[in-house]
């Protein structure tokens, strides 16, 4: 690619009159720089190393950068991350690749039910890793959950369809029976209000010809129920009236509490969160500073359901290992 093309794509300004007129490839990691490459960075040490490795052009956004080689091209931009993804947009057009923005829940279910991941690329949340992924991947389908990053890649980024096939048949808070893709799945380890995410993902897999299996469904990292006894050891649901529910998001806590109110008003639920965490509908949740406080609260508070936000499952004496995935 010609230096003139890079200037047009990145909307940058040439800071010198270089001898080089074109570059071979691009990278954001100096360790990957090869002879003739374009390098994106505003770190002086990285830039110096990239030049030593053979970089032909540097894109930077820091006025304090010292230009130590006037033969290569120095391209000043207003925002290095934005400039990098303007170049990526050009690459996308050439590749004719498709990009989709998923919610964290949708991404979790997609990874769970896919039988083969070779036909799809999962975009990292780190912009440098994402840059390298897109630039070097032969994939024609990319998905990611970082909204800001994905919109940098494609401002008109697509989302999963909401009008999809499938519906619930019956459920409890921890089990769901539903129909999708012509099959009925009975009492799966699926939270009722997670079904909408699963149905969207199934539709996505079908429309993109991605092999999948709904039989792989299990509780996700977003909502993991663990039935416990008085010693905080995990046990079978039939042997306990207490369940510790580990969540990584407030929305699931709110929806679960609403579900409990509708289905059984006599069930007592408590919410445990780090200090100053706001939970809609609760003036003062049980705040904890560390895992020891979580254990004390679980041992000394009356409850049937304990929603524990942003705590490690290892606070319990034992827990099923299969729920450590995803």
Foldseek 3Di string as FASTA:
>chain_A
DFPVVLCVLLVWDWPADAQDTAADEEAAFLVPAAARYEYEDADQVSVVSSVVRHYQEYEYADPPHDDPDRNGTYIHHPDRLLSLLSVLLVVCVVLVAAEEAEAPLLVQLLVQWFPDCPQEAEADPDSRSNSCCSRPDNHRHYYYHNVVSSCSNPVPHHYFDQPFDKDWDDDDQQFTWIDDPHDIDGGARDGVVSVSSNRSSVVVCVVVVTDTDPVSDHDAQAWDKFFADLQLAGDDPVVGLAIEIEHADLVVVVVSVVSCCVPPVPFFEAEEEAPPDDHPPDPDGHHDDALVVVSVCVNPDDGRYYYYYPHDPVSGVDDDPVRVDD
